[in-house]
Amino acid sequence: MQESKILLQKTLGNIIQSQRKLKKKSISLIANEIILSKSVWSEVEKGNKDPQFSTIWRMAEALEIPLSDLIKEIEAKLDGKLNFIDE
């Protein structure tokens, strides 16, 4: 389960970072727009933090992408590699 959690965090972080760079915004600017600390944003991008759902939602809003699109992109990148249920 720990490996799945890390894989999910890294995938989310990569997507968040890519989307932020596409918007050409610094971590400072975008974090300030949603009143989130730079360190939290940075740790999410690095895949070191497991953010709350509400934080992910706020980050999607800051990136001007629907939350559903963010989730679809995560699912596409993981391509069935994630499983939290031990079989």
PDB file of N, CA and C in Angstrom:
ATOM      1  N   MET A   1       0.828  -1.197   0.000  1.00  0.00           N
ATOM      2  CA  MET A   1       0.000   0.000   0.000  1.00  0.00           C
ATOM      3  C   MET A   1       0.871   1.258   0.000  1.00  0.00           C
ATOM      4  N   GLN A   2       1.973   1.231   0.729  1.00  0.00           N
ATOM      5  CA  GLN A   2       2.851   2.402   0.792  1.00  0.00           C
ATOM      6  C   GLN A   2       3.392   2.744  -0.594  1.00  0.00           C
ATOM      7  N   GLU A   3       3.740   1.723  -1.379  1.00  0.00           N
ATOM      8  CA  GLU A   3       4.258   1.961  -2.726  1.00  0.00           C
ATOM      9  C   GLU A   3       3.208   2.625  -3.606  1.00  0.00           C
ATOM     10  N   SER A   4       1.952   2.206  -3.483  1.00  0.00           N
ATOM     11  CA  SER A   4       0.868   2.807  -4.259  1.00  0.00           C
ATOM     12  C   SER A   4       0.671   4.268  -3.888  1.00  0.00           C
ATOM     13  N   LYS A   5       0.750   4.550  -2.591  1.00  0.00           N
ATOM     14  CA  LYS A   5       0.595   5.926  -2.116  1.00  0.00           C
ATOM     15  C   LYS A   5       1.700   6.810  -2.686  1.00  0.00           C
ATOM     16  N   ILE A   6       2.927   6.325  -2.658  1.00  0.00           N
ATOM     17  CA  ILE A   6       4.054   7.097  -3.182  1.00  0.00           C
ATOM     18  C   ILE A   6       3.905   7.311  -4.682  1.00  0.00           C
ATOM     19  N   LEU A   7       3.498   6.261  -5.408  1.00  0.00           N
ATOM     20  CA  LEU A   7       3.292   6.380  -6.851  1.00  0.00           C
ATOM     21  C   LEU A   7       2.228   7.429  -7.164  1.00  0.00           C
ATOM     22  N   LEU A   8       1.136   7.420  -6.409  1.00  0.00           N
ATOM     23  CA  LEU A   8       0.072   8.404  -6.610  1.00  0.00           C
ATOM     24  C   LEU A   8       0.573   9.820  -6.331  1.00  0.00           C
ATOM     25  N   GLN A   9       1.300  10.003  -5.225  1.00  0.00           N
ATOM     26  CA  GLN A   9       1.832  11.323  -4.879  1.00  0.00           C
ATOM     27  C   GLN A   9       2.793  11.831  -5.953  1.00  0.00           C
ATOM     28  N   LYS A  10       3.678  10.966  -6.443  1.00  0.00           N
ATOM     29  CA  LYS A  10       4.642  11.376  -7.478  1.00  0.00           C
ATOM     30  C   LYS A  10       3.922  11.739  -8.770  1.00  0.00           C
ATOM     31  N   THR A  11       2.915  10.961  -9.137  1.00  0.00           N
ATOM     32  CA  THR A  11       2.163  11.232 -10.362  1.00  0.00           C
ATOM     33  C   THR A  11       1.424  12.555 -10.249  1.00  0.00           C
ATOM     34  N   LEU A  12       0.740  12.775  -9.136  1.00  0.00           N
ATOM     35  CA  LEU A  12       0.047  14.044  -8.912  1.00  0.00           C
ATOM     36  C   LEU A  12       1.034  15.197  -8.967  1.00  0.00           C
ATOM     37  N   GLY A  13       2.161  15.050  -8.307  1.00  0.00           N
ATOM     38  CA  GLY A  13       3.172  16.112  -8.286  1.00  0.00           C
ATOM     39  C   GLY A  13       3.680  16.464  -9.671  1.00  0.00           C
ATOM     40  N   ASN A  14       3.943  15.448 -10.481  1.00  0.00           N
ATOM     41  CA  ASN A  14       4.420  15.691 -11.849  1.00  0.00           C
ATOM     42  C   ASN A  14       3.388  16.450 -12.677  1.00  0.00           C
ATOM     43  N   ILE A  15       2.137  16.060 -12.537  1.00  0.00           N
ATOM     44  CA  ILE A  15       1.069  16.729 -13.290  1.00  0.00           C
ATOM     45  C   ILE A  15       0.900  18.175 -12.824  1.00  0.00           C
ATOM     46  N   ILE A  16       0.874  18.379 -11.512  1.00  0.00           N
ATOM     47  CA  ILE A  16       0.720  19.734 -10.963  1.00  0.00           C
ATOM     48  C   ILE A  16       1.865  20.622 -11.448  1.00  0.00           C
ATOM     49  N   GLN A  17       3.075  20.109 -11.394  1.00  0.00           N
ATOM     50  CA  GLN A  17       4.222  20.898 -11.830  1.00  0.00           C
ATOM     51  C   GLN A  17       4.146  21.210 -13.329  1.00  0.00           C
ATOM     52  N   SER A  18       3.795  20.230 -14.135  1.00  0.00           N
ATOM     53  CA  SER A  18       3.683  20.450 -15.586  1.00  0.00           C
ATOM     54  C   SER A  18       2.628  21.490 -15.907  1.00  0.00           C
ATOM     55  N   GLN A  19       1.483  21.382 -15.245  1.00  0.00           N
ATOM     56  CA  GLN A  19       0.397  22.333 -15.495  1.00  0.00           C
ATOM     57  C   GLN A  19       0.789  23.743 -15.059  1.00  0.00           C
ATOM     58  N   ARG A  20       1.478  23.840 -13.919  1.00  0.00           N
ATOM     59  CA  ARG A  20       1.916  25.165 -13.449  1.00  0.00           C
ATOM     60  C   ARG A  20       2.883  25.789 -14.442  1.00  0.00           C
ATOM     61  N   LYS A  21       3.803  24.998 -14.938  1.00  0.00           N
ATOM     62  CA  LYS A  21       4.780  25.515 -15.896  1.00  0.00           C
ATOM     63  C   LYS A  21       4.116  25.908 -17.206  1.00  0.00           C
ATOM     64  N   LEU A  22       3.081  25.162 -17.617  1.00  0.00           N
ATOM     65  CA  LEU A  22       2.334  25.541 -18.819  1.00  0.00           C
ATOM     66  C   LEU A  22       1.684  26.909 -18.651  1.00  0.00           C
ATOM     67  N   LYS A  23       1.254  27.196 -17.429  1.00  0.00           N
ATOM     68  CA  LYS A  23       0.632  28.496 -17.122  1.00  0.00           C
ATOM     69  C   LYS A  23       1.682  29.585 -16.919  1.00  0.00           C
ATOM     70  N   LYS A  24       2.962  29.178 -16.900  1.00  0.00           N
ATOM     71  CA  LYS A  24       4.080  30.112 -16.717  1.00  0.00           C
ATOM     72  C   LYS A  24       3.947  30.909 -15.420  1.00  0.00           C
ATOM     73  N   LYS A  25       3.638  30.164 -14.343  1.00  0.00           N
ATOM     74  CA  LYS A  25       3.508  30.800 -13.037  1.00  0.00           C
ATOM     75  C   LYS A  25       4.530  30.202 -12.082  1.00  0.00           C
ATOM     76  N   SER A  26       5.076  31.043 -11.245  1.00  0.00           N
ATOM     77  CA  SER A  26       6.003  30.567 -10.211  1.00  0.00           C
ATOM     78  C   SER A  26       5.194  29.926  -9.078  1.00  0.00           C
ATOM     79  N   ILE A  27       5.886  29.131  -8.285  1.00  0.00           N
ATOM     80  CA  ILE A  27       5.229  28.540  -7.114  1.00  0.00           C
ATOM     81  C   ILE A  27       4.730  29.645  -6.186  1.00  0.00           C
ATOM     82  N   SER A  28       5.533  30.682  -6.004  1.00  0.00           N
ATOM     83  CA  SER A  28       5.133  31.791  -5.122  1.00  0.00           C
ATOM     84  C   SER A  28       3.835  32.429  -5.584  1.00  0.00           C
ATOM     85  N   LEU A  29       3.758  32.725  -6.862  1.00  0.00           N
ATOM     86  CA  LEU A  29       2.577  33.398  -7.400  1.00  0.00           C
ATOM     87  C   LEU A  29       1.339  32.531  -7.274  1.00  0.00           C
ATOM     88  N   ILE A  30       1.435  31.296  -7.743  1.00  0.00           N
ATOM     89  CA  ILE A  30       0.240  30.453  -7.770  1.00  0.00           C
ATOM     90  C   ILE A  30      -0.202  30.045  -6.369  1.00  0.00           C
ATOM     91  N   ALA A  31       0.746  29.820  -5.479  1.00  0.00           N
ATOM     92  CA  ALA A  31       0.385  29.479  -4.100  1.00  0.00           C
ATOM     93  C   ALA A  31      -0.299  30.655  -3.414  1.00  0.00           C
ATOM     94  N   ASN A  32       0.193  31.863  -3.672  1.00  0.00           N
ATOM     95  CA  ASN A  32      -0.435  33.054  -3.089  1.00  0.00           C
ATOM     96  C   ASN A  32      -1.851  33.261  -3.605  1.00  0.00           C
ATOM     97  N   GLU A  33      -2.103  32.878  -4.848  1.00  0.00           N
ATOM     98  CA  GLU A  33      -3.445  33.054  -5.427  1.00  0.00           C
ATOM     99  C   GLU A  33      -4.498  32.255  -4.671  1.00  0.00           C
ATOM    100  N   ILE A  34      -4.117  31.124  -4.098  1.00  0.00           N
ATOM    101  CA  ILE A  34      -5.097  30.311  -3.374  1.00  0.00           C
ATOM    102  C   ILE A  34      -4.804  30.250  -1.879  1.00  0.00           C
ATOM    103  N   ILE A  35      -3.929  31.126  -1.431  1.00  0.00           N
ATOM    104  CA  ILE A  35      -3.544  31.222  -0.021  1.00  0.00           C
ATOM    105  C   ILE A  35      -3.100  29.851   0.501  1.00  0.00           C
ATOM    106  N   LEU A  36      -2.075  29.329  -0.155  1.00  0.00           N
ATOM    107  CA  LEU A  36      -1.451  28.073   0.225  1.00  0.00           C
ATOM    108  C   LEU A  36       0.037  28.364   0.385  1.00  0.00           C
ATOM    109  N   SER A  37       0.655  27.771   1.361  1.00  0.00           N
ATOM    110  CA  SER A  37       2.074  28.062   1.540  1.00  0.00           C
ATOM    111  C   SER A  37       2.887  27.518   0.367  1.00  0.00           C
ATOM    112  N   LYS A  38       3.960  28.232   0.052  1.00  0.00           N
ATOM    113  CA  LYS A  38       4.860  27.798  -1.023  1.00  0.00           C
ATOM    114  C   LYS A  38       5.435  26.431  -0.713  1.00  0.00           C
ATOM    115  N   SER A  39       5.722  26.200   0.542  1.00  0.00           N
ATOM    116  CA  SER A  39       6.337  24.922   0.915  1.00  0.00           C
ATOM    117  C   SER A  39       5.375  23.752   0.675  1.00  0.00           C
ATOM    118  N   VAL A  40       4.100  23.946   0.963  1.00  0.00           N
ATOM    119  CA  VAL A  40       3.120  22.882   0.706  1.00  0.00           C
ATOM    120  C   VAL A  40       3.033  22.619  -0.790  1.00  0.00           C
ATOM    121  N   TRP A  41       2.911  23.696  -1.585  1.00  0.00           N
ATOM    122  CA  TRP A  41       2.824  23.530  -3.042  1.00  0.00           C
ATOM    123  C   TRP A  41       4.065  22.791  -3.549  1.00  0.00           C
ATOM    124  N   SER A  42       5.224  23.208  -3.097  1.00  0.00           N
ATOM    125  CA  SER A  42       6.472  22.602  -3.523  1.00  0.00           C
ATOM    126  C   SER A  42       6.549  21.119  -3.137  1.00  0.00           C
ATOM    127  N   GLU A  43       6.130  20.798  -1.927  1.00  0.00           N
ATOM    128  CA  GLU A  43       6.172  19.413  -1.463  1.00  0.00           C
ATOM    129  C   GLU A  43       5.197  18.534  -2.253  1.00  0.00           C
ATOM    130  N   VAL A  44       4.057  19.084  -2.653  1.00  0.00           N
ATOM    131  CA  VAL A  44       3.125  18.332  -3.496  1.00  0.00           C
ATOM    132  C   VAL A  44       3.772  18.067  -4.850  1.00  0.00           C
ATOM    133  N   GLU A  45       4.375  19.094  -5.443  1.00  0.00           N
ATOM    134  CA  GLU A  45       5.032  18.932  -6.741  1.00  0.00           C
ATOM    135  C   GLU A  45       6.145  17.886  -6.693  1.00  0.00           C
ATOM    136  N   LYS A  46       6.856  17.817  -5.587  1.00  0.00           N
ATOM    137  CA  LYS A  46       7.948  16.854  -5.446  1.00  0.00           C
ATOM    138  C   LYS A  46       7.439  15.445  -5.153  1.00  0.00           C
ATOM    139  N   GLY A  47       6.142  15.340  -4.851  1.00  0.00           N
ATOM    140  CA  GLY A  47       5.579  14.041  -4.508  1.00  0.00           C
ATOM    141  C   GLY A  47       5.864  13.627  -3.081  1.00  0.00           C
ATOM    142  N   ASN A  48       6.248  14.583  -2.249  1.00  0.00           N
ATOM    143  CA  ASN A  48       6.592  14.299  -0.856  1.00  0.00           C
ATOM    144  C   ASN A  48       5.431  14.479   0.104  1.00  0.00           C
ATOM    145  N   LYS A  49       4.325  15.024  -0.382  1.00  0.00           N
ATOM    146  CA  LYS A  49       3.191  15.322   0.491  1.00  0.00           C
ATOM    147  C   LYS A  49       1.932  14.676  -0.065  1.00  0.00           C
ATOM    148  N   ASP A  50       1.140  14.131   0.812  1.00  0.00           N
ATOM    149  CA  ASP A  50      -0.154  13.556   0.465  1.00  0.00           C
ATOM    150  C   ASP A  50      -1.217  14.600   0.839  1.00  0.00           C
ATOM    151  N   PRO A  51      -1.585  15.461  -0.106  1.00  0.00           N
ATOM    152  CA  PRO A  51      -2.476  16.575   0.240  1.00  0.00           C
ATOM    153  C   PRO A  51      -3.911  16.124   0.483  1.00  0.00           C
ATOM    154  N   GLN A  52      -4.617  16.922   1.255  1.00  0.00           N
ATOM    155  CA  GLN A  52      -6.042  16.694   1.449  1.00  0.00           C
ATOM    156  C   GLN A  52      -6.769  16.931   0.130  1.00  0.00           C
ATOM    157  N   PHE A  53      -7.931  16.316   0.005  1.00  0.00           N
ATOM    158  CA  PHE A  53      -8.728  16.460  -1.207  1.00  0.00           C
ATOM    159  C   PHE A  53      -9.045  17.929  -1.489  1.00  0.00           C
ATOM    160  N   SER A  54      -9.350  18.680  -0.446  1.00  0.00           N
ATOM    161  CA  SER A  54      -9.682  20.098  -0.642  1.00  0.00           C
ATOM    162  C   SER A  54      -8.479  20.874  -1.179  1.00  0.00           C
ATOM    163  N   THR A  55      -7.276  20.480  -0.793  1.00  0.00           N
ATOM    164  CA  THR A  55      -6.067  21.136  -1.306  1.00  0.00           C
ATOM    165  C   THR A  55      -5.873  20.817  -2.779  1.00  0.00           C
ATOM    166  N   ILE A  56      -6.106  19.572  -3.157  1.00  0.00           N
ATOM    167  CA  ILE A  56      -6.008  19.190  -4.572  1.00  0.00           C
ATOM    168  C   ILE A  56      -7.017  19.984  -5.396  1.00  0.00           C
ATOM    169  N   TRP A  57      -8.214  20.132  -4.875  1.00  0.00           N
ATOM    170  CA  TRP A  57      -9.260  20.883  -5.570  1.00  0.00           C
ATOM    171  C   TRP A  57      -8.825  22.337  -5.763  1.00  0.00           C
ATOM    172  N   ARG A  58      -8.295  22.931  -4.706  1.00  0.00           N
ATOM    173  CA  ARG A  58      -7.834  24.325  -4.795  1.00  0.00           C
ATOM    174  C   ARG A  58      -6.697  24.468  -5.799  1.00  0.00           C
ATOM    175  N   MET A  59      -5.801  23.500  -5.824  1.00  0.00           N
ATOM    176  CA  MET A  59      -4.684  23.546  -6.762  1.00  0.00           C
ATOM    177  C   MET A  59      -5.203  23.447  -8.203  1.00  0.00           C
ATOM    178  N   ALA A  60      -6.176  22.588  -8.433  1.00  0.00           N
ATOM    179  CA  ALA A  60      -6.772  22.472  -9.770  1.00  0.00           C
ATOM    180  C   ALA A  60      -7.400  23.800 -10.177  1.00  0.00           C
ATOM    181  N   GLU A  61      -8.097  24.438  -9.255  1.00  0.00           N
ATOM    182  CA  GLU A  61      -8.696  25.745  -9.551  1.00  0.00           C
ATOM    183  C   GLU A  61      -7.616  26.778  -9.885  1.00  0.00           C
ATOM    184  N   ALA A  62      -6.533  26.773  -9.131  1.00  0.00           N
ATOM    185  CA  ALA A  62      -5.443  27.717  -9.387  1.00  0.00           C
ATOM    186  C   ALA A  62      -4.824  27.481 -10.763  1.00  0.00           C
ATOM    187  N   LEU A  63      -4.810  26.227 -11.184  1.00  0.00           N
ATOM    188  CA  LEU A  63      -4.260  25.872 -12.491  1.00  0.00           C
ATOM    189  C   LEU A  63      -5.281  26.032 -13.616  1.00  0.00           C
ATOM    190  N   GLU A  64      -6.501  26.398 -13.214  1.00  0.00           N
ATOM    191  CA  GLU A  64      -7.608  26.621 -14.156  1.00  0.00           C
ATOM    192  C   GLU A  64      -7.922  25.366 -14.966  1.00  0.00           C
ATOM    193  N   ILE A  65      -7.913  24.231 -14.264  1.00  0.00           N
ATOM    194  CA  ILE A  65      -8.319  22.974 -14.883  1.00  0.00           C
ATOM    195  C   ILE A  65      -9.390  22.328 -14.011  1.00  0.00           C
ATOM    196  N   PRO A  66     -10.394  21.719 -14.630  1.00  0.00           N
ATOM    197  CA  PRO A  66     -11.406  21.034 -13.825  1.00  0.00           C
ATOM    198  C   PRO A  66     -10.780  19.891 -13.034  1.00  0.00           C
ATOM    199  N   LEU A  67     -11.238  19.722 -11.813  1.00  0.00           N
ATOM    200  CA  LEU A  67     -10.728  18.647 -10.970  1.00  0.00           C
ATOM    201  C   LEU A  67     -10.887  17.301 -11.667  1.00  0.00           C
ATOM    202  N   SER A  68     -11.992  17.114 -12.362  1.00  0.00           N
ATOM    203  CA  SER A  68     -12.220  15.844 -13.067  1.00  0.00           C
ATOM    204  C   SER A  68     -11.151  15.601 -14.129  1.00  0.00           C
ATOM    205  N   ASP A  69     -10.689  16.658 -14.792  1.00  0.00           N
ATOM    206  CA  ASP A  69      -9.617  16.509 -15.785  1.00  0.00           C
ATOM    207  C   ASP A  69      -8.307  16.115 -15.123  1.00  0.00           C
ATOM    208  N   LEU A  70      -8.047  16.687 -13.958  1.00  0.00           N
ATOM    209  CA  LEU A  70      -6.841  16.342 -13.219  1.00  0.00           C
ATOM    210  C   LEU A  70      -6.864  14.863 -12.838  1.00  0.00           C
ATOM    211  N   ILE A  71      -7.999  14.394 -12.360  1.00  0.00           N
ATOM    212  CA  ILE A  71      -8.128  12.991 -11.965  1.00  0.00           C
ATOM    213  C   ILE A  71      -7.991  12.080 -13.186  1.00  0.00           C
ATOM    214  N   LYS A  72      -8.602  12.467 -14.299  1.00  0.00           N
ATOM    215  CA  LYS A  72      -8.481  11.675 -15.524  1.00  0.00           C
ATOM    216  C   LYS A  72      -7.024  11.583 -15.978  1.00  0.00           C
ATOM    217  N   GLU A  73      -6.290  12.682 -15.847  1.00  0.00           N
ATOM    218  CA  GLU A  73      -4.882  12.673 -16.238  1.00  0.00           C
ATOM    219  C   GLU A  73      -4.070  11.760 -15.312  1.00  0.00           C
ATOM    220  N   ILE A  74      -4.379  11.779 -14.036  1.00  0.00           N
ATOM    221  CA  ILE A  74      -3.705  10.875 -13.098  1.00  0.00           C
ATOM    222  C   ILE A  74      -3.989   9.427 -13.492  1.00  0.00           C
ATOM    223  N   GLU A  75      -5.253   9.117 -13.743  1.00  0.00           N
ATOM    224  CA  GLU A  75      -5.627   7.756 -14.133  1.00  0.00           C
ATOM    225  C   GLU A  75      -4.921   7.328 -15.419  1.00  0.00           C
ATOM    226  N   ALA A  76      -4.855   8.223 -16.382  1.00  0.00           N
ATOM    227  CA  ALA A  76      -4.204   7.896 -17.653  1.00  0.00           C
ATOM    228  C   ALA A  76      -2.716   7.622 -17.455  1.00  0.00           C
ATOM    229  N   LYS A  77      -2.062   8.444 -16.650  1.00  0.00           N
ATOM    230  CA  LYS A  77      -0.621   8.251 -16.419  1.00  0.00           C
ATOM    231  C   LYS A  77      -0.340   6.979 -15.629  1.00  0.00           C
ATOM    232  N   LEU A  78      -1.223   6.634 -14.711  1.00  0.00           N
ATOM    233  CA  LEU A  78      -1.029   5.425 -13.914  1.00  0.00           C
ATOM    234  C   LEU A  78      -1.386   4.164 -14.707  1.00  0.00           C
ATOM    235  N   ASP A  79      -2.297   4.284 -15.640  1.00  0.00           N
ATOM    236  CA  ASP A  79      -2.658   3.200 -16.560  1.00  0.00           C
ATOM    237  C   ASP A  79      -2.805   1.852 -15.859  1.00  0.00           C
ATOM    238  N   GLY A  80      -3.600   1.821 -14.805  1.00  0.00           N
ATOM    239  CA  GLY A  80      -3.875   0.580 -14.105  1.00  0.00           C
ATOM    240  C   GLY A  80      -2.767   0.094 -13.180  1.00  0.00           C
ATOM    241  N   LYS A  81      -1.746   0.897 -12.949  1.00  0.00           N
ATOM    242  CA  LYS A  81      -0.607   0.478 -12.108  1.00  0.00           C
ATOM    243  C   LYS A  81      -0.861   0.684 -10.619  1.00  0.00           C
ATOM    244  N   LEU A  82      -1.972   1.295 -10.280  1.00  0.00           N
ATOM    245  CA  LEU A  82      -2.220   1.635  -8.882  1.00  0.00           C
ATOM    246  C   LEU A  82      -3.289   0.725  -8.305  1.00  0.00           C
ATOM    247  N   ASN A  83      -3.011   0.193  -7.118  1.00  0.00           N
ATOM    248  CA  ASN A  83      -3.975  -0.656  -6.448  1.00  0.00           C
ATOM    249  C   ASN A  83      -3.773  -0.526  -4.946  1.00  0.00           C
ATOM    250  N   PHE A  84      -4.791  -0.038  -4.261  1.00  0.00           N
ATOM    251  CA  PHE A  84      -4.693   0.121  -2.818  1.00  0.00           C
ATOM    252  C   PHE A  84      -5.258  -1.085  -2.067  1.00  0.00           C
ATOM    253  N   ILE A  85      -5.887  -1.980  -2.778  1.00  0.00           N
ATOM    254  CA  ILE A  85      -6.461  -3.155  -2.144  1.00  0.00           C
ATOM    255  C   ILE A  85      -5.511  -4.333  -2.340  1.00  0.00           C
ATOM    256  N   ASP A  86      -5.071  -4.896  -1.243  1.00  0.00           N
ATOM    257  CA  ASP A  86      -4.182  -6.058  -1.322  1.00  0.00           C
ATOM    258  C   ASP A  86      -4.978  -7.261  -1.817  1.00  0.00           C
ATOM    259  N   GLU A  87      -4.437  -7.884  -2.840  1.00  0.00           N
ATOM    260  CA  GLU A  87      -5.128  -9.045  -3.390  1.00  0.00           C
ATOM    261  C   GLU A  87      -4.343 -10.300  -3.107  1.00  0.00           C
TER     262      GLU A  87
END
